Amino acid sequence: MEKNSVKAYMEYSEEKFTKRIIYKKGETTAFVLNFLPGQALPTHKHPGTETYLYVITGTGTIVINGKDTEVTEADLIHVDSEEEMSFKNSGSEPVSLYVILSKIPNENYAKNI
C-alpha cells in the first residue's frame, strides 16, 4: 500500500502550470495539474489511454474537441482516448486537477461488484 495526500502535490508557479506525479504504476499514471489564474494546458490527445480528471479546487474551462465546458470544484470529467483536450484556469483562484491516465488489464476490472 502507498498513501499520499493530494495537498502535498498542489504546488503553483508564477511562470507556468505545474504537473506533480503521484503514482506511476505499469500503464497507469496519476498526477496533479496546478494552474494560477490565466494559465492553460495546450490542446493535446492521449491516444490509446482514457483520461479521468477530478477538479480538486477552483473553476476553469475544459475544451473537448473544440467545445468549451465550465468546470468547478468536485466535477468529474472523462476524456476518451481520441478526443482532443485543453484546459484554462478562467477563474480568479488557483485550480488543481487530479488526473489519471489509465489502461485496464482486462474487462473484469471494469465491472461493478
Protein backbone atom coordinates (compact mmCIF):
# COMPACT_ATOMS: atom_id res chain seq x y z
CA MET A 1 0.00 0.00 0.00
CA GLU A 2 1.07 3.55 -0.68
CA LYS A 3 -0.73 6.50 0.90
CA ASN A 4 -0.36 10.15 -0.15
CA SER A 5 -2.12 13.45 0.41
CA VAL A 6 -3.16 15.30 -2.72
CA LYS A 7 -2.47 18.56 -0.87
CA ALA A 8 1.25 17.78 -0.98
CA TYR A 9 1.09 17.96 -4.80
CA MET A 10 -0.76 21.28 -5.03
CA GLU A 11 2.23 23.43 -5.96
CA TYR A 12 1.83 26.56 -8.09
CA SER A 13 4.32 28.54 -10.16
CA GLU A 14 4.02 32.11 -11.45
CA GLU A 15 5.82 31.03 -14.66
CA LYS A 16 3.50 28.24 -15.90
CA PHE A 17 1.19 25.46 -14.76
CA THR A 18 2.80 22.62 -12.80
CA LYS A 19 2.44 18.84 -13.05
CA ARG A 20 3.27 16.77 -9.98
CA ILE A 21 3.36 12.97 -10.39
CA ILE A 22 1.81 11.00 -7.51
CA TYR A 23 1.87 7.44 -8.88
CA LYS A 24 3.32 5.74 -11.93
CA LYS A 25 2.45 2.06 -11.85
CA GLY A 26 2.52 -0.04 -15.01
CA GLU A 27 0.36 1.66 -17.63
CA THR A 28 -1.38 3.98 -15.14
CA THR A 29 -0.18 7.39 -14.04
CA ALA A 30 -1.82 9.71 -11.50
CA PHE A 31 -0.81 13.33 -11.06
CA VAL A 32 -1.99 16.80 -10.11
CA LEU A 33 -2.06 19.71 -12.54
CA ASN A 34 -1.93 23.14 -10.88
CA PHE A 35 -2.91 26.41 -12.56
CA LEU A 36 -2.84 30.00 -11.39
CA PRO A 37 -5.46 32.32 -12.95
CA GLY A 38 -4.93 32.64 -16.71
CA GLN A 39 -2.60 29.62 -17.02
CA ALA A 40 -3.52 26.97 -19.58
CA LEU A 41 -2.78 23.43 -20.75
CA PRO A 42 -2.35 23.36 -24.55
CA THR A 43 -4.55 21.27 -26.84
CA HIS A 44 -3.45 17.63 -26.99
CA LYS A 45 -4.59 13.97 -27.10
CA HIS A 46 -3.75 10.81 -25.16
CA PRO A 47 -4.04 8.13 -27.89
CA GLY A 48 -4.91 4.69 -26.54
CA THR A 49 -5.41 5.99 -22.99
CA GLU A 50 -8.52 7.01 -21.08
CA THR A 51 -8.17 10.23 -19.10
CA TYR A 52 -10.07 10.98 -15.90
CA LEU A 53 -9.97 14.38 -14.23
CA TYR A 54 -11.29 15.49 -10.84
CA VAL A 55 -11.44 19.21 -10.08
CA ILE A 56 -9.96 19.47 -6.58
CA THR A 57 -10.32 23.21 -6.26
CA GLY A 58 -11.15 26.27 -8.36
CA THR A 59 -13.00 26.84 -11.62
CA GLY A 60 -11.92 26.70 -15.23
CA THR A 61 -12.76 25.87 -18.81
CA ILE A 62 -12.06 22.50 -20.36
CA VAL A 63 -12.20 22.31 -24.15
CA ILE A 64 -13.00 18.91 -25.67
CA ASN A 65 -12.91 18.71 -29.47
CA GLY A 66 -13.40 22.47 -29.66
CA LYS A 67 -16.36 22.64 -27.25
CA ASP A 68 -15.95 24.74 -24.08
CA THR A 69 -17.33 23.42 -20.79
CA GLU A 70 -17.08 25.25 -17.49
CA VAL A 71 -15.88 23.05 -14.61
CA THR A 72 -15.74 23.67 -10.89
CA GLU A 73 -14.68 22.02 -7.64
CA ALA A 74 -15.79 18.35 -7.31
CA ASP A 75 -16.58 17.94 -11.04
CA LEU A 76 -15.51 14.66 -12.68
CA ILE A 77 -14.53 14.57 -16.35
CA HIS A 78 -13.77 11.64 -18.64
CA VAL A 79 -11.86 12.26 -21.87
CA ASP A 80 -11.84 9.49 -24.48
CA SER A 81 -8.53 8.42 -25.98
CA GLU A 82 -9.39 10.01 -29.34
CA GLU A 83 -10.71 13.31 -28.00
CA GLU A 84 -8.61 16.45 -28.20
CA MET A 85 -8.49 18.44 -24.96
CA SER A 86 -7.16 21.63 -23.40
CA PHE A 87 -7.77 23.44 -20.10
CA LYS A 88 -7.59 27.03 -18.87
CA ASN A 89 -7.96 28.49 -15.41
CA SER A 90 -10.61 31.04 -16.31
CA GLY A 91 -11.36 31.91 -12.69
CA SER A 92 -9.72 34.20 -10.16
CA GLU A 93 -8.42 31.49 -7.79
CA PRO A 94 -5.85 28.68 -8.26
CA VAL A 95 -7.11 25.44 -9.86
CA SER A 96 -5.85 21.92 -9.14
CA LEU A 97 -6.90 18.88 -11.18
CA TYR A 98 -6.30 15.28 -10.11
CA VAL A 99 -5.65 13.33 -13.32
CA ILE A 100 -5.47 9.60 -14.02
CA LEU A 101 -4.21 8.25 -17.35
CA SER A 102 -5.35 4.64 -17.38
CA LYS A 103 -5.48 1.35 -19.21
CA ILE A 104 -7.17 -1.66 -17.63
CA PRO A 105 -5.65 -5.16 -17.73
CA ASN A 106 -8.96 -6.78 -18.75
CA GLU A 107 -12.73 -6.20 -18.67
CA ASN A 108 -13.19 -7.85 -15.27
CA TYR A 109 -11.62 -4.74 -13.72
CA ALA A 110 -14.38 -2.55 -15.18
CA LYS A 111 -17.41 -4.25 -13.60
CA ASN A 112 -19.46 -3.15 -10.61
CA ILE A 113 -19.26 -5.58 -7.68
